[in-house]
Amino acid sequence: MNSLEDPRIANTIETLHRRARQDRVVFARALPGVIGGMLRGKGFMEAAKPYLKDAYIPIDKAQGRVLYQIARSRGARRIVEFGASFGISAMYLAAAVRDNGGGKVITTEMEPNKIASARANWAEAGFDREIELREGDALQTLRDIKEPIDLVFLDGWKEANLPILRLLEPALTPGASILCDDIKPFRKTLKPYLDYVRGNPRRFVSVELPLGDGLEFSVFV
């Protein structure tokens, strides 16, 4: 069984990937403001933040397939995602959870327009039961997760990836998969995260996968 081949799901995901191609227009409009912010001493992410509320910034199709494959091979029933955006990656993960026999994808988002759009997109694909969206700061909304976690996908604000991983670590199951996106463009920002997953071999085995802008794949051992 492969729910990604379900026409309802496949059509919704394809439509969202097509809409996401307009991100280049959003980035072009944002560029002067981002440059101005950086000239005033702000970091790139801080300067860009006001303009990202309309940007999809999604995983690509190959990354989505890999997320699905890893979740299926792990038999993942409980997945936590940091950074829902418009909901594309959560659908790849929810398809895997459904095909694994059921479970939950717990995801997070702060932007109100993205929250509303993501919920509508999931409803269109028929993922109302598999996805739980927690609104607000992920360091707060994910704090109470105690149930075993089989897979974590980190694709939100880069400075928060390591604190969120450490927050969730007590609930990780042995052999849990952790994936972190955008390693290449944010290697400096993500250095503390990479040092943590690569520098603790008794806790993690980690490697960068050559997908998209770099996808760090770690296994909790």
Protein backbone atom coordinates (compact mmCIF):
# COMPACT_ATOMS: atom_id res chain seq x y z
CA MET A 1 0.00 0.00 0.00
CA ASN A 2 1.27 3.46 -0.91
CA SER A 3 -1.10 6.29 -0.04
CA LEU A 4 1.00 8.74 -2.04
CA GLU A 5 -0.53 7.14 -5.13
CA ASP A 6 -4.06 7.93 -3.94
CA PRO A 7 -5.35 10.51 -6.48
CA ARG A 8 -6.82 12.75 -3.78
CA ILE A 9 -3.49 12.94 -1.93
CA ALA A 10 -1.29 13.03 -5.03
CA ASN A 11 -3.29 15.84 -6.63
CA THR A 12 -3.21 17.96 -3.47
CA ILE A 13 0.54 17.53 -3.03
CA GLU A 14 1.20 18.27 -6.73
CA THR A 15 -0.91 21.45 -6.55
CA LEU A 16 1.03 22.68 -3.52
CA HIS A 17 4.41 21.96 -5.10
CA ARG A 18 3.25 23.95 -8.13
CA ARG A 19 2.18 26.89 -5.96
CA ALA A 20 5.48 26.76 -4.10
CA ARG A 21 7.34 27.64 -7.30
CA GLN A 22 6.10 31.19 -6.75
CA ASP A 23 8.47 31.46 -3.78
CA ARG A 24 11.02 33.01 -6.13
CA VAL A 25 8.66 35.96 -6.59
CA VAL A 26 8.29 36.31 -2.81
CA PHE A 27 12.07 36.19 -2.35
CA ALA A 28 12.65 38.75 -5.13
CA ARG A 29 10.26 41.20 -3.48
CA ALA A 30 11.88 40.57 -0.09
CA LEU A 31 15.48 41.00 -1.21
CA PRO A 32 15.79 44.79 -0.74
CA GLY A 33 14.36 44.57 2.77
CA VAL A 34 16.58 41.63 3.71
CA ILE A 35 19.70 43.40 2.44
CA GLY A 36 18.72 46.55 4.31
CA GLY A 37 18.20 44.58 7.52
CA MET A 38 21.57 42.87 7.19
CA LEU A 39 23.28 46.23 6.59
CA ARG A 40 21.75 47.37 9.88
CA GLY A 41 23.40 44.44 11.65
CA LYS A 42 20.67 41.80 11.57
CA GLY A 43 21.41 38.18 10.70
CA PHE A 44 19.96 36.78 7.48
CA MET A 45 17.17 34.81 9.16
CA GLU A 46 16.18 37.74 11.39
CA ALA A 47 16.13 40.11 8.42
CA ALA A 48 14.12 37.69 6.29
CA LYS A 49 11.56 36.72 8.91
CA PRO A 50 8.96 39.43 8.13
CA TYR A 51 8.84 38.29 4.49
CA LEU A 52 8.58 34.53 5.03
CA LYS A 53 4.92 34.42 6.06
CA ASP A 54 3.92 34.07 2.39
CA ALA A 55 6.72 31.68 1.37
CA TYR A 56 6.19 27.94 1.15
CA ILE A 57 9.92 27.05 1.43
CA PRO A 58 8.95 23.37 1.06
CA ILE A 59 10.87 20.16 0.73
CA ASP A 60 11.06 18.99 -2.87
CA LYS A 61 9.38 15.87 -4.21
CA ALA A 62 12.49 13.68 -3.85
CA GLN A 63 12.85 14.70 -0.21
CA GLY A 64 9.17 14.01 0.36
CA ARG A 65 9.53 10.50 -1.04
CA VAL A 66 12.55 9.89 1.19
CA LEU A 67 10.63 11.08 4.25
CA TYR A 68 7.86 8.66 3.33
CA GLN A 69 10.32 5.79 2.75
CA ILE A 70 12.19 6.32 6.02
CA ALA A 71 8.95 6.58 7.98
CA ARG A 72 7.64 3.41 6.34
CA SER A 73 10.85 1.44 6.88
CA ARG A 74 10.88 2.55 10.52
CA GLY A 75 7.24 1.61 10.94
CA ALA A 76 6.72 5.06 12.41
CA ARG A 77 3.44 5.56 14.23
CA ARG A 78 4.24 8.82 16.07
CA ILE A 79 6.09 11.57 14.19
CA VAL A 80 6.94 15.10 15.33
CA GLU A 81 7.58 17.87 12.81
CA PHE A 82 8.97 21.33 13.55
CA GLY A 83 7.73 23.81 10.93
CA ALA A 84 4.52 22.94 9.10
CA SER A 85 4.43 25.95 6.75
CA PHE A 86 1.63 25.23 4.23
CA GLY A 87 1.56 21.54 5.13
CA ILE A 88 3.38 19.73 2.31
CA SER A 89 5.92 17.72 4.30
CA ALA A 90 3.33 16.73 6.90
CA MET A 91 1.32 15.02 4.14
CA TYR A 92 4.23 12.82 3.09
CA LEU A 93 4.67 11.85 6.74
CA ALA A 94 0.94 11.35 7.32
CA ALA A 95 0.75 9.04 4.30
CA ALA A 96 3.47 6.88 5.87
CA VAL A 97 1.72 6.85 9.25
CA ARG A 98 -1.54 5.79 7.58
CA ASP A 99 0.21 3.03 5.63
CA ASN A 100 1.98 1.85 8.79
CA GLY A 101 -1.40 1.11 10.33
CA GLY A 102 -2.30 4.44 11.88
CA GLY A 103 -0.84 6.94 14.28
CA LYS A 104 -0.22 10.68 14.49
CA VAL A 105 1.93 13.39 12.96
CA ILE A 106 2.29 16.22 15.48
CA THR A 107 3.40 19.39 13.72
CA THR A 108 3.88 23.02 14.66
CA GLU A 109 3.43 26.47 13.14
CA MET A 110 3.30 30.09 14.30
CA GLU A 111 2.11 32.04 11.24
CA PRO A 112 -1.72 32.41 11.30
CA ASN A 113 -2.11 32.41 7.50
CA LYS A 114 0.01 29.27 7.17
CA ILE A 115 -1.96 27.56 9.95
CA ALA A 116 -5.27 28.18 8.20
CA SER A 117 -3.92 27.15 4.79
CA ALA A 118 -2.25 24.01 6.12
CA ARG A 119 -5.46 22.85 7.81
CA ALA A 120 -7.39 23.40 4.57
CA ASN A 121 -4.77 21.53 2.55
CA TRP A 122 -4.82 18.54 4.90
CA ALA A 123 -8.60 18.44 4.83
CA GLU A 124 -8.51 18.48 1.02
CA ALA A 125 -6.14 15.49 1.04
CA GLY A 126 -8.20 13.66 3.69
CA PHE A 127 -5.63 13.80 6.49
CA ASP A 128 -7.87 15.20 9.23
CA ARG A 129 -7.23 12.29 11.62
CA GLU A 130 -3.51 11.71 11.04
CA ILE A 131 -2.23 15.28 11.59
CA GLU A 132 -2.35 17.31 14.81
CA LEU A 133 -1.26 20.95 14.47
CA ARG A 134 0.00 22.77 17.54
CA GLU A 135 -0.09 26.55 17.18
CA GLY A 136 2.63 28.75 18.64
CA ASP A 137 6.25 28.48 19.75
CA ALA A 138 7.35 24.87 19.26
CA LEU A 139 9.59 25.03 22.33
CA GLN A 140 6.39 25.46 24.30
CA THR A 141 3.83 23.47 22.30
CA LEU A 142 6.03 20.34 22.09
CA ARG A 143 7.08 20.43 25.73
CA ASP A 144 4.46 17.98 26.98
CA ILE A 145 5.11 15.10 24.56
CA LYS A 146 5.85 12.01 26.62
CA GLU A 147 4.68 9.25 24.28
CA PRO A 148 7.40 7.41 22.28
CA ILE A 149 8.51 9.26 19.13
CA ASP A 150 9.62 7.23 16.09
CA LEU A 151 10.67 10.06 13.76
CA VAL A 152 11.44 13.78 14.00
CA PHE A 153 11.57 16.18 11.06
CA LEU A 154 13.18 19.57 11.72
CA ASP A 155 12.36 22.21 9.10
CA GLY A 156 11.56 25.36 11.04
CA TRP A 157 13.63 28.22 12.45
CA LYS A 158 17.20 26.92 12.26
CA GLU A 159 18.46 28.28 15.58
CA ALA A 160 15.71 26.28 17.33
CA ASN A 161 16.56 22.87 15.83
CA LEU A 162 19.01 21.79 18.53
CA PRO A 163 16.89 22.99 21.48
CA ILE A 164 13.88 21.18 20.02
CA LEU A 165 15.83 17.96 19.45
CA ARG A 166 17.08 18.05 23.03
CA LEU A 167 13.54 18.76 24.24
CA LEU A 168 12.22 15.69 22.39
CA GLU A 169 15.19 13.41 23.02
CA PRO A 170 13.84 11.77 26.21
CA ALA A 171 10.85 10.50 24.20
CA LEU A 172 12.82 9.12 21.22
CA THR A 173 12.51 5.38 20.69
CA PRO A 174 15.69 3.34 20.13
CA GLY A 175 16.40 3.57 16.41
CA ALA A 176 14.29 6.71 15.97
CA SER A 177 15.02 8.71 12.80
CA ILE A 178 15.79 12.43 12.93
CA LEU A 179 15.93 14.49 9.73
CA CYS A 180 17.05 18.11 9.51
CA ASP A 181 16.60 20.11 6.31
CA ASP A 182 18.65 22.92 4.71
CA ILE A 183 22.10 21.85 5.86
CA LYS A 184 23.95 23.52 2.96
CA PRO A 185 22.60 27.11 3.05
CA PHE A 186 22.52 27.23 6.87
CA ARG A 187 25.64 25.23 7.71
CA LYS A 188 26.99 28.00 9.95
CA THR A 189 23.70 28.47 11.80
CA LEU A 190 23.24 24.72 12.12
CA LYS A 191 26.80 24.04 13.28
CA PRO A 192 25.78 23.49 16.93
CA TYR A 193 23.11 21.04 15.76
CA LEU A 194 25.51 19.19 13.45
CA ASP A 195 28.20 19.08 16.12
CA TYR A 196 25.67 17.52 18.48
CA VAL A 197 24.37 14.75 16.21
CA ARG A 198 27.77 14.02 14.64
CA GLY A 199 29.84 14.40 17.78
CA ASN A 200 27.92 12.01 20.03
CA PRO A 201 28.39 8.57 18.39
CA ARG A 202 27.04 6.76 21.44
CA ARG A 203 23.74 8.58 20.96
CA PHE A 204 23.50 9.23 17.21
CA VAL A 205 24.73 7.93 13.89
CA SER A 206 24.43 10.78 11.39
CA VAL A 207 25.12 11.51 7.72
CA GLU A 208 24.18 14.25 5.24
CA LEU A 209 22.02 13.03 2.37
CA PRO A 210 22.53 14.80 -1.00
CA LEU A 211 18.90 15.82 -1.37
CA GLY A 212 17.54 19.32 -1.87
CA ASP A 213 19.60 21.79 0.15
CA GLY A 214 21.11 19.00 2.23
CA LEU A 215 19.16 16.67 4.51
CA GLU A 216 20.90 15.45 7.66
CA PHE A 217 19.75 11.93 8.55
CA SER A 218 20.43 10.77 12.07
CA VAL A 219 19.49 7.59 13.92
CA PHE A 220 19.09 7.63 17.69
CA VAL A 221 21.08 4.66 18.96
